[in-house]
Amino acid sequence: MNSTEKLYEIIKDMTEPTVTELLDFAEFLKGKKQSKKVMNDEMLSALKGGVENSHALAGDPMKIQEMLRNEWN
């Protein structure tokens, strides 16, 4: 018996309000998974770019790298 069949066996004797509540929860879980993907995509795209005009990263890349290394000493 697969999960869908097990779920049906459990809910077939429940009252309609309880089944409605379970359906609301299932829709919440489905939406939560979808909104998490959208949120991650939006967050990543919001971070795209932005350092090309940074004062801290302007200049010779080798000097910037040396400066960053020296911060640890």
N, C-alpha and C. Protein backbone atom coordinates (compact mmCIF):
# COMPACT_ATOMS: atom_id res chain seq x y z
N MET A 1 0.85 -1.18 0.00
CA MET A 1 0.00 0.00 0.00
C MET A 1 0.90 1.24 0.00
N ASN A 2 0.66 2.13 -0.96
CA ASN A 2 1.48 3.34 -1.04
C ASN A 2 0.94 4.43 -0.11
N SER A 3 1.64 5.52 -0.03
CA SER A 3 1.29 6.60 0.90
C SER A 3 -0.09 7.19 0.61
N THR A 4 -0.42 7.33 -0.66
CA THR A 4 -1.72 7.89 -1.03
C THR A 4 -2.85 6.99 -0.54
N GLU A 5 -2.67 5.68 -0.72
CA GLU A 5 -3.69 4.72 -0.26
C GLU A 5 -3.80 4.73 1.27
N LYS A 6 -2.66 4.83 1.95
CA LYS A 6 -2.68 4.89 3.42
C LYS A 6 -3.41 6.14 3.89
N LEU A 7 -3.12 7.26 3.23
CA LEU A 7 -3.77 8.50 3.59
C LEU A 7 -5.28 8.41 3.38
N TYR A 8 -5.69 7.81 2.27
CA TYR A 8 -7.12 7.65 2.00
C TYR A 8 -7.78 6.80 3.08
N GLU A 9 -7.13 5.72 3.48
CA GLU A 9 -7.67 4.85 4.51
C GLU A 9 -7.86 5.60 5.83
N ILE A 10 -6.95 6.50 6.13
CA ILE A 10 -7.04 7.26 7.37
C ILE A 10 -8.16 8.29 7.30
N ILE A 11 -8.28 8.99 6.19
CA ILE A 11 -9.24 10.10 6.13
C ILE A 11 -10.65 9.70 5.73
N LYS A 12 -10.84 8.50 5.22
CA LYS A 12 -12.18 8.16 4.73
C LYS A 12 -13.23 8.13 5.84
N ASP A 13 -12.83 7.94 7.07
CA ASP A 13 -13.79 7.91 8.18
C ASP A 13 -13.81 9.22 8.98
N MET A 14 -13.04 10.22 8.54
CA MET A 14 -13.02 11.50 9.24
C MET A 14 -14.22 12.35 8.85
N THR A 15 -14.54 13.29 9.72
CA THR A 15 -15.63 14.21 9.40
C THR A 15 -15.16 15.21 8.34
N GLU A 16 -16.11 15.82 7.66
CA GLU A 16 -15.79 16.77 6.60
C GLU A 16 -14.97 17.96 7.10
N PRO A 17 -15.30 18.54 8.27
CA PRO A 17 -14.46 19.64 8.75
C PRO A 17 -13.01 19.22 9.00
N THR A 18 -12.80 18.01 9.49
CA THR A 18 -11.44 17.53 9.74
C THR A 18 -10.70 17.32 8.42
N VAL A 19 -11.38 16.77 7.42
CA VAL A 19 -10.77 16.57 6.11
C VAL A 19 -10.43 17.92 5.48
N THR A 20 -11.31 18.90 5.65
CA THR A 20 -11.06 20.24 5.13
C THR A 20 -9.82 20.84 5.79
N GLU A 21 -9.68 20.63 7.10
CA GLU A 21 -8.51 21.14 7.81
C GLU A 21 -7.23 20.45 7.31
N LEU A 22 -7.32 19.15 7.07
CA LEU A 22 -6.18 18.41 6.54
C LEU A 22 -5.82 18.89 5.13
N LEU A 23 -6.83 19.17 4.33
CA LEU A 23 -6.60 19.69 2.98
C LEU A 23 -5.93 21.06 3.04
N ASP A 24 -6.38 21.91 3.96
CA ASP A 24 -5.74 23.22 4.13
C ASP A 24 -4.27 23.06 4.48
N PHE A 25 -3.97 22.11 5.35
CA PHE A 25 -2.59 21.88 5.76
C PHE A 25 -1.75 21.37 4.58
N ALA A 26 -2.32 20.46 3.78
CA ALA A 26 -1.60 19.93 2.62
C ALA A 26 -1.31 21.06 1.62
N GLU A 27 -2.29 21.94 1.41
CA GLU A 27 -2.08 23.07 0.51
C GLU A 27 -1.03 24.03 1.07
N PHE A 28 -1.02 24.20 2.38
CA PHE A 28 0.01 25.03 3.02
C PHE A 28 1.39 24.45 2.76
N LEU A 29 1.55 23.15 2.96
CA LEU A 29 2.85 22.52 2.73
C LEU A 29 3.29 22.64 1.28
N LYS A 30 2.37 22.47 0.37
CA LYS A 30 2.69 22.60 -1.06
C LYS A 30 3.12 24.03 -1.38
N GLY A 31 2.40 25.00 -0.87
CA GLY A 31 2.73 26.40 -1.11
C GLY A 31 4.03 26.80 -0.46
N LYS A 32 4.30 26.25 0.72
CA LYS A 32 5.53 26.55 1.44
C LYS A 32 6.74 26.11 0.63
N LYS A 33 6.66 24.95 0.03
CA LYS A 33 7.76 24.43 -0.78
C LYS A 33 7.96 25.30 -2.02
N GLN A 34 6.87 25.70 -2.66
CA GLN A 34 6.97 26.52 -3.87
C GLN A 34 7.48 27.92 -3.54
N SER A 35 6.99 28.51 -2.44
CA SER A 35 7.41 29.88 -2.11
C SER A 35 8.87 29.91 -1.67
N LYS A 36 9.36 28.82 -1.09
CA LYS A 36 10.77 28.77 -0.68
C LYS A 36 11.66 28.84 -1.91
N LYS A 37 11.29 28.14 -2.99
CA LYS A 37 12.09 28.18 -4.22
C LYS A 37 12.05 29.58 -4.83
N VAL A 38 10.88 30.19 -4.87
CA VAL A 38 10.76 31.54 -5.43
C VAL A 38 11.55 32.52 -4.59
N MET A 39 11.46 32.38 -3.26
CA MET A 39 12.18 33.29 -2.38
C MET A 39 13.69 33.14 -2.60
N ASN A 40 14.19 31.92 -2.72
CA ASN A 40 15.61 31.72 -2.95
C ASN A 40 16.06 32.33 -4.27
N ASP A 41 15.26 32.15 -5.33
CA ASP A 41 15.59 32.72 -6.63
C ASP A 41 15.60 34.25 -6.56
N GLU A 42 14.61 34.83 -5.87
CA GLU A 42 14.54 36.28 -5.75
C GLU A 42 15.71 36.82 -4.93
N MET A 43 16.06 36.11 -3.87
CA MET A 43 17.16 36.56 -3.03
C MET A 43 18.48 36.52 -3.80
N LEU A 44 18.68 35.46 -4.57
CA LEU A 44 19.91 35.35 -5.33
C LEU A 44 19.99 36.43 -6.41
N SER A 45 18.88 36.68 -7.08
CA SER A 45 18.92 37.69 -8.14
C SER A 45 19.11 39.09 -7.54
N ALA A 46 18.66 39.30 -6.31
CA ALA A 46 18.86 40.59 -5.66
C ALA A 46 20.34 40.83 -5.35
N LEU A 47 21.11 39.76 -5.21
CA LEU A 47 22.52 39.88 -4.91
C LEU A 47 23.39 40.00 -6.15
N LYS A 48 22.77 39.78 -7.31
CA LYS A 48 23.52 39.81 -8.57
C LYS A 48 24.08 41.20 -8.82
N GLY A 49 25.34 41.24 -9.19
CA GLY A 49 25.99 42.52 -9.48
C GLY A 49 26.25 43.29 -8.21
N GLY A 50 26.53 44.54 -8.35
CA GLY A 50 26.69 45.40 -7.19
C GLY A 50 28.12 45.65 -6.78
N VAL A 51 29.03 44.73 -7.01
CA VAL A 51 30.41 44.95 -6.58
C VAL A 51 31.23 45.64 -7.65
N GLU A 52 30.71 45.72 -8.85
CA GLU A 52 31.48 46.35 -9.92
C GLU A 52 31.72 47.84 -9.67
N ASN A 53 30.86 48.46 -8.86
CA ASN A 53 31.03 49.88 -8.53
C ASN A 53 31.53 50.09 -7.10
N SER A 54 31.98 49.01 -6.48
CA SER A 54 32.42 49.09 -5.09
C SER A 54 33.76 49.81 -4.97
N HIS A 55 33.82 50.77 -4.07
CA HIS A 55 35.07 51.51 -3.82
C HIS A 55 36.12 50.56 -3.23
N ALA A 56 35.70 49.64 -2.38
CA ALA A 56 36.63 48.73 -1.72
C ALA A 56 37.28 47.76 -2.70
N LEU A 57 36.59 47.45 -3.80
CA LEU A 57 37.13 46.48 -4.75
C LEU A 57 37.61 47.15 -6.04
N ALA A 58 37.71 48.46 -6.04
CA ALA A 58 38.20 49.17 -7.22
C ALA A 58 39.73 49.15 -7.21
N GLY A 59 40.31 49.04 -8.35
CA GLY A 59 41.77 49.08 -8.44
C GLY A 59 42.36 47.77 -8.91
N ASP A 60 43.64 47.64 -8.69
CA ASP A 60 44.40 46.48 -9.14
C ASP A 60 44.00 45.24 -8.33
N PRO A 61 43.53 44.19 -8.99
CA PRO A 61 43.11 42.98 -8.27
C PRO A 61 44.21 42.36 -7.42
N MET A 62 45.46 42.43 -7.88
CA MET A 62 46.56 41.86 -7.11
C MET A 62 46.78 42.64 -5.81
N LYS A 63 46.66 43.95 -5.85
CA LYS A 63 46.82 44.77 -4.65
C LYS A 63 45.68 44.52 -3.66
N ILE A 64 44.49 44.36 -4.20
CA ILE A 64 43.33 44.07 -3.35
C ILE A 64 43.54 42.73 -2.66
N GLN A 65 43.99 41.74 -3.41
CA GLN A 65 44.24 40.42 -2.84
C GLN A 65 45.31 40.49 -1.75
N GLU A 66 46.37 41.22 -2.01
CA GLU A 66 47.45 41.38 -1.03
C GLU A 66 46.93 42.08 0.24
N MET A 67 46.11 43.09 0.06
CA MET A 67 45.53 43.82 1.19
C MET A 67 44.67 42.89 2.04
N LEU A 68 43.87 42.06 1.38
CA LEU A 68 43.01 41.13 2.11
C LEU A 68 43.82 40.09 2.86
N ARG A 69 44.88 39.59 2.24
CA ARG A 69 45.76 38.62 2.91
C ARG A 69 46.41 39.25 4.14
N ASN A 70 46.87 40.51 4.00
CA ASN A 70 47.54 41.18 5.10
C ASN A 70 46.63 41.43 6.29
N GLU A 71 45.33 41.47 6.06
CA GLU A 71 44.38 41.68 7.16
C GLU A 71 44.44 40.52 8.14
N TRP A 72 44.82 39.35 7.70
CA TRP A 72 44.85 38.17 8.57
C TRP A 72 46.15 38.10 9.39
N ASN A 73 47.11 38.89 9.05
CA ASN A 73 48.40 38.85 9.79
C ASN A 73 48.41 39.79 10.96
